C-alpha atoms as a PDB file:
ATOM      1  CA  MET A   1     -12.465 -42.434  37.840  1.00  0.00           C
ATOM      2  CA  ALA A   2      -8.924 -43.690  37.172  1.00  0.00           C
ATOM      3  CA  LYS A   3      -6.868 -42.535  34.216  1.00  0.00           C
ATOM      4  CA  VAL A   4      -5.163 -45.260  32.140  1.00  0.00           C
ATOM      5  CA  LYS A   5      -1.391 -44.975  32.047  1.00  0.00           C
ATOM      6  CA  GLU A   6      -0.027 -43.569  28.775  1.00  0.00           C
ATOM      7  CA  GLU A   7       2.344 -46.534  28.251  1.00  0.00           C
ATOM      8  CA  MET A   8      -0.676 -48.844  28.377  1.00  0.00           C
ATOM      9  CA  LEU A   9      -2.861 -46.643  26.193  1.00  0.00           C
ATOM     10  CA  ALA A  10      -0.271 -45.997  23.457  1.00  0.00           C
ATOM     11  CA  PRO A  11      -0.377 -49.547  21.980  1.00  0.00           C
ATOM     12  CA  VAL A  12      -4.168 -49.411  21.864  1.00  0.00           C
ATOM     13  CA  ASN A  13      -4.097 -46.092  19.989  1.00  0.00           C
ATOM     14  CA  GLU A  14      -1.412 -47.399  17.617  1.00  0.00           C
ATOM     15  CA  ALA A  15      -3.425 -50.538  16.876  1.00  0.00           C
ATOM     16  CA  HIS A  16      -6.514 -48.424  16.144  1.00  0.00           C
ATOM     17  CA  LYS A  17      -4.524 -46.206  13.752  1.00  0.00           C
ATOM     18  CA  VAL A  18      -3.117 -49.208  11.889  1.00  0.00           C
ATOM     19  CA  MET A  19      -6.528 -50.890  11.719  1.00  0.00           C
ATOM     20  CA  GLN A  20      -8.063 -47.696  10.315  1.00  0.00           C
ATOM     21  CA  ALA A  21      -5.358 -47.496   7.646  1.00  0.00           C
ATOM     22  CA  ILE A  22      -5.994 -51.133   6.738  1.00  0.00           C
ATOM     23  CA  ARG A  23      -9.750 -50.497   6.485  1.00  0.00           C
ATOM     24  CA  VAL A  24      -9.110 -47.557   4.149  1.00  0.00           C
ATOM     25  CA  GLU A  25      -6.787 -49.678   2.004  1.00  0.00           C
ATOM     26  CA  LEU A  26      -9.306 -52.541   1.894  1.00  0.00           C
ATOM     27  CA  GLY A  27     -11.998 -50.091   0.799  1.00  0.00           C
ATOM     28  CA  SER A  28      -9.735 -48.824  -1.972  1.00  0.00           C
ATOM     29  CA  LEU A  29      -9.076 -52.373  -3.140  1.00  0.00           C
ATOM     30  CA  ALA A  30     -12.799 -53.160  -3.184  1.00  0.00           C
ATOM     31  CA  LEU A  31     -13.490 -50.059  -5.275  1.00  0.00           C
ATOM     32  CA  ALA A  32     -10.631 -50.940  -7.602  1.00  0.00           C
ATOM     33  CA  GLU A  33     -12.073 -54.417  -8.097  1.00  0.00           C
ATOM     34  CA  LEU A  34     -15.478 -52.946  -8.962  1.00  0.00           C
ATOM     35  CA  HIS A  35     -13.787 -50.560 -11.397  1.00  0.00           C
ATOM     36  CA  LYS A  36     -11.844 -53.452 -12.925  1.00  0.00           C
ATOM     37  CA  GLU A  37     -15.075 -55.402 -13.487  1.00  0.00           C
ATOM     38  CA  ALA A  38     -16.702 -52.393 -15.155  1.00  0.00           C
ATOM     39  CA  LEU A  39     -13.671 -51.911 -17.412  1.00  0.00           C
ATOM     40  CA  LEU A  40     -13.657 -55.594 -18.393  1.00  0.00           C
ATOM     41  CA  ALA A  41     -17.356 -55.429 -19.241  1.00  0.00           C
ATOM     42  CA  ALA A  42     -16.798 -52.302 -21.359  1.00  0.00           C
ATOM     43  CA  TYR A  43     -13.852 -53.980 -23.099  1.00  0.00           C
ATOM     44  CA  LYS A  44     -15.966 -57.034 -23.959  1.00  0.00           C
ATOM     45  CA  GLU A  45     -18.691 -54.754 -25.307  1.00  0.00           C
ATOM     46  CA  GLN A  46     -16.175 -53.005 -27.567  1.00  0.00           C
ATOM     47  CA  GLN A  47     -14.835 -56.367 -28.746  1.00  0.00           C
ATOM     48  CA  GLN A  48     -18.361 -57.318 -29.812  1.00  0.00           C
ATOM     49  CA  LYS A  49     -18.838 -53.989 -31.626  1.00  0.00           C
ATOM     50  CA  LEU A  50     -15.488 -54.467 -33.374  1.00  0.00           C
ATOM     51  CA  LYS A  51     -16.493 -57.966 -34.488  1.00  0.00           C
ATOM     52  CA  GLU A  52     -19.830 -56.728 -35.818  1.00  0.00           C
ATOM     53  CA  ALA A  53     -18.167 -53.872 -37.712  1.00  0.00           C
ATOM     54  CA  THR A  54     -15.459 -56.064 -39.228  1.00  0.00           C
ATOM     55  CA  ASP A  55     -18.031 -58.712 -40.148  1.00  0.00           C
ATOM     56  CA  ALA A  56     -20.048 -56.029 -41.967  1.00  0.00           C
ATOM     57  CA  ILE A  57     -16.955 -54.881 -43.884  1.00  0.00           C
ATOM     58  CA  GLN A  58     -16.099 -58.469 -44.779  1.00  0.00           C
ATOM     59  CA  ALA A  59     -19.662 -59.098 -45.981  1.00  0.00           C
ATOM     60  CA  GLU A  60     -19.486 -56.007 -48.197  1.00  0.00           C
ATOM     61  CA  TYR A  61     -15.898 -56.231 -49.479  1.00  0.00           C
ATOM     62  CA  GLY A  62     -14.824 -59.833 -48.906  1.00  0.00           C
ATOM     63  CA  ASP A  63     -11.701 -61.089 -47.180  1.00  0.00           C
ATOM     64  CA  GLY A  64      -8.956 -58.569 -46.688  1.00  0.00           C
ATOM     65  CA  SER A  65      -7.874 -55.805 -44.391  1.00  0.00           C
ATOM     66  CA  VAL A  66      -8.532 -52.108 -43.941  1.00  0.00           C
ATOM     67  CA  ASP A  67      -5.913 -49.410 -43.440  1.00  0.00           C
ATOM     68  CA  LEU A  68      -7.527 -47.547 -40.550  1.00  0.00           C
ATOM     69  CA  GLU A  69      -5.706 -44.302 -41.363  1.00  0.00           C
ATOM     70  CA  SER A  70      -6.586 -44.104 -45.063  1.00  0.00           C
ATOM     71  CA  GLY A  71      -9.774 -46.173 -45.006  1.00  0.00           C
ATOM     72  CA  GLU A  72      -8.514 -48.208 -47.966  1.00  0.00           C
ATOM     73  CA  PHE A  73      -9.558 -51.823 -48.280  1.00  0.00           C
ATOM     74  CA  MET A  74      -6.872 -54.251 -49.342  1.00  0.00           C
ATOM     75  CA  PRO A  75      -8.240 -57.564 -50.597  1.00  0.00           C
ATOM     76  CA  GLY A  76      -6.705 -60.685 -49.102  1.00  0.00           C
ATOM     77  CA  GLU A  77      -4.995 -63.199 -51.260  1.00  0.00           C
ATOM     78  CA  ALA A  78      -7.124 -66.101 -52.458  1.00  0.00           C
ATOM     79  CA  PRO A  79      -6.082 -69.348 -50.868  1.00  0.00           C
ATOM     80  CA  ALA A  80      -3.718 -71.294 -53.087  1.00  0.00           C
ATOM     81  CA  ALA A  81      -5.223 -74.346 -54.768  1.00  0.00           C
ATOM     82  CA  GLU A  82      -3.985 -77.530 -53.259  1.00  0.00           C
ATOM     83  CA  VAL A  83      -2.235 -79.801 -55.735  1.00  0.00           C
ATOM     84  CA  VAL A  84      -3.052 -83.437 -55.261  1.00  0.00           C
ATOM     85  CA  GLU A  85      -0.793 -85.922 -57.017  1.00  0.00           C
ATOM     86  CA  GLU A  86      -2.118 -89.338 -57.821  1.00  0.00           C
END
């Protein structure tokens, strides 16, 4: 059995090392993409919960805003009546 010369084998080993590093990086990117999708789904779910909660406050108290630190509701200003000149 003949032994392959080191100068011929070195590029093969180097290519294998680089390919392995690329495979690891590609795996990390795939996992990151899955994580990103899960985070986006969770964000959308929280947006829906926020909308439902603010809709419930608006139904109870009317238009306005809530100071999240104090919990105080501040009514919004009524829209100004439009003056129509004839």
